[in-house]
């Protein structure tokens, strides 16, 4: 779970809530099954090259530190759209870098 905490300078910074008394990290039992459905959904939309879909979905599920509460509360369609949006942002960033160095 992430929240924003103001610093003395007034800038908000993200932090994670650790397992401390009163907080238990939730576990979404259907996460793996949902992940497989998200892979199928992302593939079917055609925006992400087929050979990259699995890596993009695995990255989204396993490397971003997203709490299981998000996955439990979102539909396959919504998660798929978020995976595609992040992929699009990465592509856009790469294109900007290429243009700047040309």
N, C-alpha and C. Protein backbone atom coordinates (compact mmCIF):
# COMPACT_ATOMS: atom_id res chain seq x y z
N UNK A 1 0.85 -1.17 0.00
CA UNK A 1 0.00 0.00 0.00
C UNK A 1 0.89 1.23 0.00
N UNK A 2 0.67 2.14 -0.91
CA UNK A 2 1.47 3.35 -0.98
C UNK A 2 0.62 4.55 -0.63
N UNK A 3 1.22 5.48 0.05
CA UNK A 3 0.57 6.75 0.33
C UNK A 3 1.60 7.83 0.09
N UNK A 4 1.16 9.07 0.05
CA UNK A 4 2.09 10.18 -0.09
C UNK A 4 2.19 10.90 1.24
N UNK A 5 3.40 11.12 1.67
CA UNK A 5 3.65 11.78 2.93
C UNK A 5 4.40 13.08 2.66
N UNK A 6 3.86 14.22 3.11
CA UNK A 6 4.59 15.47 2.91
C UNK A 6 5.90 15.47 3.69
N UNK A 7 6.94 15.98 3.07
CA UNK A 7 8.23 16.14 3.73
C UNK A 7 8.31 17.55 4.28
N UNK A 8 9.32 17.84 5.08
CA UNK A 8 9.45 19.21 5.60
C UNK A 8 9.50 20.27 4.49
N UNK A 9 9.99 19.87 3.30
CA UNK A 9 10.06 20.84 2.20
C UNK A 9 8.71 21.01 1.51
N UNK A 10 7.72 20.20 1.90
CA UNK A 10 6.39 20.30 1.31
C UNK A 10 6.19 19.38 0.12
N UNK A 11 7.21 18.64 -0.28
CA UNK A 11 7.11 17.72 -1.41
C UNK A 11 6.61 16.38 -0.90
N UNK A 12 5.61 15.82 -1.59
CA UNK A 12 5.09 14.52 -1.19
C UNK A 12 5.95 13.41 -1.77
N UNK A 13 6.25 12.41 -0.95
CA UNK A 13 7.05 11.28 -1.40
C UNK A 13 6.32 9.99 -1.11
N UNK A 14 6.41 9.00 -2.02
CA UNK A 14 5.74 7.72 -1.77
C UNK A 14 6.50 6.90 -0.74
N UNK A 15 5.77 6.11 0.01
CA UNK A 15 6.40 5.16 0.92
C UNK A 15 5.50 3.94 1.03
N UNK A 16 6.03 2.87 1.52
CA UNK A 16 5.26 1.65 1.68
C UNK A 16 4.97 1.40 3.15
N UNK A 17 3.79 0.89 3.39
CA UNK A 17 3.43 0.49 4.74
C UNK A 17 3.98 -0.91 4.95
N UNK A 18 4.78 -1.09 5.96
CA UNK A 18 5.36 -2.38 6.25
C UNK A 18 4.41 -3.19 7.12
N UNK A 19 4.64 -4.49 7.18
CA UNK A 19 3.85 -5.34 8.07
C UNK A 19 4.20 -5.01 9.51
N UNK A 20 3.39 -4.22 10.13
CA UNK A 20 3.56 -3.84 11.53
C UNK A 20 2.26 -4.21 12.24
N UNK A 21 2.27 -4.22 13.54
CA UNK A 21 1.03 -4.55 14.25
C UNK A 21 -0.15 -3.73 13.72
N UNK A 22 -1.22 -4.42 13.35
CA UNK A 22 -2.40 -3.75 12.85
C UNK A 22 -2.49 -3.74 11.33
N UNK A 23 -1.43 -4.13 10.62
CA UNK A 23 -1.48 -4.17 9.15
C UNK A 23 -0.99 -5.52 8.68
N UNK A 24 -1.76 -6.15 7.83
CA UNK A 24 -1.37 -7.41 7.22
C UNK A 24 -1.44 -7.24 5.72
N UNK A 25 -0.37 -7.59 5.04
CA UNK A 25 -0.37 -7.49 3.59
C UNK A 25 -1.41 -8.45 3.03
N UNK A 26 -2.36 -7.92 2.25
CA UNK A 26 -3.40 -8.79 1.71
C UNK A 26 -2.84 -9.70 0.61
N UNK A 27 -3.46 -10.86 0.46
CA UNK A 27 -3.08 -11.80 -0.59
C UNK A 27 -4.31 -12.09 -1.43
N UNK A 28 -4.18 -11.91 -2.73
CA UNK A 28 -5.27 -12.18 -3.66
C UNK A 28 -5.07 -13.57 -4.24
N UNK A 29 -5.88 -14.52 -3.82
CA UNK A 29 -5.73 -15.92 -4.23
C UNK A 29 -5.92 -16.10 -5.73
N UNK A 30 -6.68 -15.25 -6.38
CA UNK A 30 -6.94 -15.39 -7.81
C UNK A 30 -5.96 -14.63 -8.70
N UNK A 31 -4.86 -14.16 -8.13
CA UNK A 31 -3.93 -13.30 -8.88
C UNK A 31 -3.33 -14.01 -10.09
N UNK A 32 -2.87 -15.23 -9.95
CA UNK A 32 -2.23 -15.95 -11.06
C UNK A 32 -3.22 -16.19 -12.19
N UNK A 33 -4.42 -16.61 -11.86
CA UNK A 33 -5.45 -16.84 -12.87
C UNK A 33 -5.81 -15.53 -13.58
N UNK A 34 -5.91 -14.45 -12.80
CA UNK A 34 -6.19 -13.15 -13.39
C UNK A 34 -5.06 -12.73 -14.33
N UNK A 35 -3.82 -12.96 -13.92
CA UNK A 35 -2.67 -12.60 -14.73
C UNK A 35 -2.72 -13.29 -16.10
N UNK A 36 -3.09 -14.55 -16.11
CA UNK A 36 -3.20 -15.29 -17.37
C UNK A 36 -4.29 -14.70 -18.26
N UNK A 37 -5.41 -14.31 -17.65
CA UNK A 37 -6.50 -13.69 -18.41
C UNK A 37 -6.07 -12.32 -18.94
N UNK A 38 -5.30 -11.59 -18.14
CA UNK A 38 -4.79 -10.28 -18.58
C UNK A 38 -3.87 -10.46 -19.78
N UNK A 39 -3.00 -11.47 -19.75
CA UNK A 39 -2.13 -11.75 -20.90
C UNK A 39 -2.97 -11.97 -22.15
N UNK A 40 -4.02 -12.77 -22.04
CA UNK A 40 -4.89 -13.04 -23.18
C UNK A 40 -5.57 -11.76 -23.67
N UNK A 41 -6.03 -10.96 -22.74
CA UNK A 41 -6.73 -9.71 -23.09
C UNK A 41 -5.79 -8.73 -23.77
N UNK A 42 -4.59 -8.55 -23.22
CA UNK A 42 -3.61 -7.65 -23.82
C UNK A 42 -3.26 -8.13 -25.23
N UNK A 43 -3.06 -9.43 -25.39
CA UNK A 43 -2.75 -10.00 -26.70
C UNK A 43 -3.88 -9.72 -27.70
N UNK A 44 -5.11 -9.92 -27.27
CA UNK A 44 -6.25 -9.77 -28.16
C UNK A 44 -6.44 -8.33 -28.64
N UNK A 45 -5.99 -7.36 -27.86
CA UNK A 45 -6.16 -5.95 -28.25
C UNK A 45 -5.16 -5.51 -29.32
N UNK A 46 -4.02 -6.22 -29.42
CA UNK A 46 -3.09 -5.98 -30.50
C UNK A 46 -2.18 -4.78 -30.39
N UNK A 47 -2.20 -4.05 -29.30
CA UNK A 47 -1.36 -2.86 -29.17
C UNK A 47 0.08 -3.19 -28.77
N UNK A 48 0.25 -4.29 -28.07
CA UNK A 48 1.58 -4.73 -27.62
C UNK A 48 1.97 -5.90 -28.52
N UNK A 49 3.17 -5.87 -29.11
CA UNK A 49 3.59 -7.01 -29.93
C UNK A 49 3.46 -8.32 -29.16
N UNK A 50 2.90 -9.32 -29.83
CA UNK A 50 2.60 -10.61 -29.20
C UNK A 50 3.78 -11.18 -28.42
N UNK A 51 4.99 -11.05 -28.97
CA UNK A 51 6.17 -11.63 -28.32
C UNK A 51 6.59 -10.87 -27.06
N UNK A 52 6.02 -9.69 -26.83
CA UNK A 52 6.37 -8.90 -25.64
C UNK A 52 5.31 -8.94 -24.54
N UNK A 53 4.14 -9.45 -24.88
CA UNK A 53 3.01 -9.41 -23.93
C UNK A 53 3.35 -10.08 -22.60
N UNK A 54 3.84 -11.30 -22.63
CA UNK A 54 4.10 -12.02 -21.37
C UNK A 54 5.05 -11.23 -20.48
N UNK A 55 6.15 -10.72 -21.04
CA UNK A 55 7.12 -9.96 -20.24
C UNK A 55 6.51 -8.69 -19.67
N UNK A 56 5.68 -8.00 -20.45
CA UNK A 56 5.05 -6.77 -19.95
C UNK A 56 4.09 -7.06 -18.80
N UNK A 57 3.32 -8.14 -18.94
CA UNK A 57 2.35 -8.49 -17.89
C UNK A 57 3.08 -8.97 -16.63
N UNK A 58 4.10 -9.79 -16.81
CA UNK A 58 4.88 -10.25 -15.65
C UNK A 58 5.52 -9.07 -14.94
N UNK A 59 6.09 -8.14 -15.70
CA UNK A 59 6.70 -6.93 -15.12
C UNK A 59 5.66 -6.16 -14.30
N UNK A 60 4.47 -6.00 -14.86
CA UNK A 60 3.41 -5.27 -14.17
C UNK A 60 3.01 -5.95 -12.87
N UNK A 61 2.85 -7.27 -12.92
CA UNK A 61 2.39 -8.02 -11.74
C UNK A 61 3.47 -8.22 -10.69
N UNK A 62 4.72 -8.39 -11.12
CA UNK A 62 5.75 -8.83 -10.17
C UNK A 62 6.81 -7.79 -9.83
N UNK A 63 6.97 -6.76 -10.63
CA UNK A 63 8.09 -5.86 -10.41
C UNK A 63 7.72 -4.44 -9.98
N UNK A 64 6.46 -4.09 -10.03
CA UNK A 64 6.08 -2.72 -9.69
C UNK A 64 5.70 -2.54 -8.23
N UNK A 65 5.59 -3.62 -7.49
CA UNK A 65 5.26 -3.52 -6.07
C UNK A 65 3.81 -3.14 -5.81
N UNK A 66 2.94 -3.46 -6.75
CA UNK A 66 1.52 -3.13 -6.59
C UNK A 66 0.89 -4.10 -5.60
N UNK A 67 0.17 -3.56 -4.64
CA UNK A 67 -0.49 -4.35 -3.60
C UNK A 67 -1.57 -5.24 -4.22
N UNK A 68 -1.75 -6.43 -3.66
CA UNK A 68 -2.76 -7.36 -4.15
C UNK A 68 -4.17 -6.78 -4.08
N UNK A 69 -4.38 -5.79 -3.24
CA UNK A 69 -5.70 -5.16 -3.14
C UNK A 69 -6.09 -4.57 -4.50
N UNK A 70 -5.13 -4.00 -5.22
CA UNK A 70 -5.40 -3.45 -6.55
C UNK A 70 -5.90 -4.56 -7.47
N UNK A 71 -5.18 -5.67 -7.53
CA UNK A 71 -5.55 -6.76 -8.43
C UNK A 71 -6.89 -7.37 -8.05
N UNK A 72 -7.16 -7.49 -6.76
CA UNK A 72 -8.44 -8.05 -6.30
C UNK A 72 -9.61 -7.14 -6.65
N UNK A 73 -9.36 -5.85 -6.72
CA UNK A 73 -10.45 -4.90 -6.95
C UNK A 73 -10.64 -4.46 -8.38
N UNK A 74 -9.74 -4.84 -9.27
CA UNK A 74 -9.83 -4.41 -10.67
C UNK A 74 -10.22 -5.57 -11.57
N UNK A 75 -10.92 -5.24 -12.65
CA UNK A 75 -11.30 -6.25 -13.63
C UNK A 75 -10.12 -6.58 -14.54
N UNK A 76 -10.21 -7.71 -15.21
CA UNK A 76 -9.19 -8.10 -16.19
C UNK A 76 -9.04 -6.99 -17.23
N UNK A 77 -10.15 -6.45 -17.68
CA UNK A 77 -10.15 -5.39 -18.69
C UNK A 77 -9.39 -4.15 -18.20
N UNK A 78 -9.64 -3.73 -16.97
CA UNK A 78 -8.97 -2.54 -16.42
C UNK A 78 -7.47 -2.77 -16.26
N UNK A 79 -7.08 -3.92 -15.73
CA UNK A 79 -5.66 -4.22 -15.56
C UNK A 79 -4.99 -4.27 -16.94
N UNK A 80 -5.65 -4.88 -17.90
CA UNK A 80 -5.11 -4.94 -19.27
C UNK A 80 -4.87 -3.54 -19.82
N UNK A 81 -5.83 -2.67 -19.63
CA UNK A 81 -5.68 -1.28 -20.10
C UNK A 81 -4.50 -0.59 -19.42
N UNK A 82 -4.28 -0.87 -18.15
CA UNK A 82 -3.17 -0.25 -17.43
C UNK A 82 -1.82 -0.79 -17.93
N UNK A 83 -1.76 -2.09 -18.21
CA UNK A 83 -0.54 -2.68 -18.77
C UNK A 83 -0.24 -2.03 -20.12
N UNK A 84 -1.25 -1.89 -20.96
CA UNK A 84 -1.07 -1.30 -22.28
C UNK A 84 -0.65 0.16 -22.16
N UNK A 85 -1.25 0.89 -21.22
CA UNK A 85 -0.90 2.30 -21.03
C UNK A 85 0.56 2.45 -20.61
N UNK A 86 1.02 1.60 -19.70
CA UNK A 86 2.42 1.68 -19.28
C UNK A 86 3.37 1.28 -20.41
N UNK A 87 2.99 0.30 -21.20
CA UNK A 87 3.80 -0.08 -22.36
C UNK A 87 3.89 1.10 -23.33
N UNK A 88 2.75 1.74 -23.59
CA UNK A 88 2.73 2.90 -24.47
C UNK A 88 3.60 4.03 -23.95
N UNK A 89 3.60 4.25 -22.64
CA UNK A 89 4.44 5.29 -22.05
C UNK A 89 5.91 4.97 -22.23
N UNK A 90 6.27 3.70 -22.08
CA UNK A 90 7.68 3.31 -22.28
C UNK A 90 8.10 3.52 -23.73
N UNK A 91 7.23 3.15 -24.67
CA UNK A 91 7.54 3.35 -26.09
C UNK A 91 7.69 4.83 -26.39
N UNK A 92 6.77 5.64 -25.88
CA UNK A 92 6.82 7.09 -26.10
C UNK A 92 8.12 7.69 -25.57
N UNK A 93 8.52 7.26 -24.39
CA UNK A 93 9.76 7.74 -23.78
C UNK A 93 10.96 7.37 -24.65
N UNK A 94 11.00 6.15 -25.14
CA UNK A 94 12.10 5.71 -26.00
C UNK A 94 12.15 6.54 -27.28
N UNK A 95 10.98 6.81 -27.86
CA UNK A 95 10.94 7.62 -29.08
C UNK A 95 11.43 9.04 -28.83
N UNK A 96 11.05 9.60 -27.68
CA UNK A 96 11.54 10.94 -27.31
C UNK A 96 13.05 10.95 -27.18
N UNK A 97 13.61 9.92 -26.56
CA UNK A 97 15.06 9.83 -26.39
C UNK A 97 15.76 9.72 -27.74
N UNK A 98 15.19 8.94 -28.65
CA UNK A 98 15.77 8.80 -29.98
C UNK A 98 15.76 10.14 -30.71
N UNK A 99 14.63 10.84 -30.64
CA UNK A 99 14.53 12.15 -31.29
C UNK A 99 15.52 13.15 -30.72
N UNK A 100 15.72 13.14 -29.43
CA UNK A 100 16.64 14.08 -28.79
C UNK A 100 18.10 13.82 -29.17
N UNK A 101 18.41 12.57 -29.45
CA UNK A 101 19.80 12.22 -29.77
C UNK A 101 20.04 12.11 -31.27
N UNK A 102 19.07 12.55 -32.08
CA UNK A 102 19.24 12.51 -33.54
C UNK A 102 19.73 13.83 -34.07
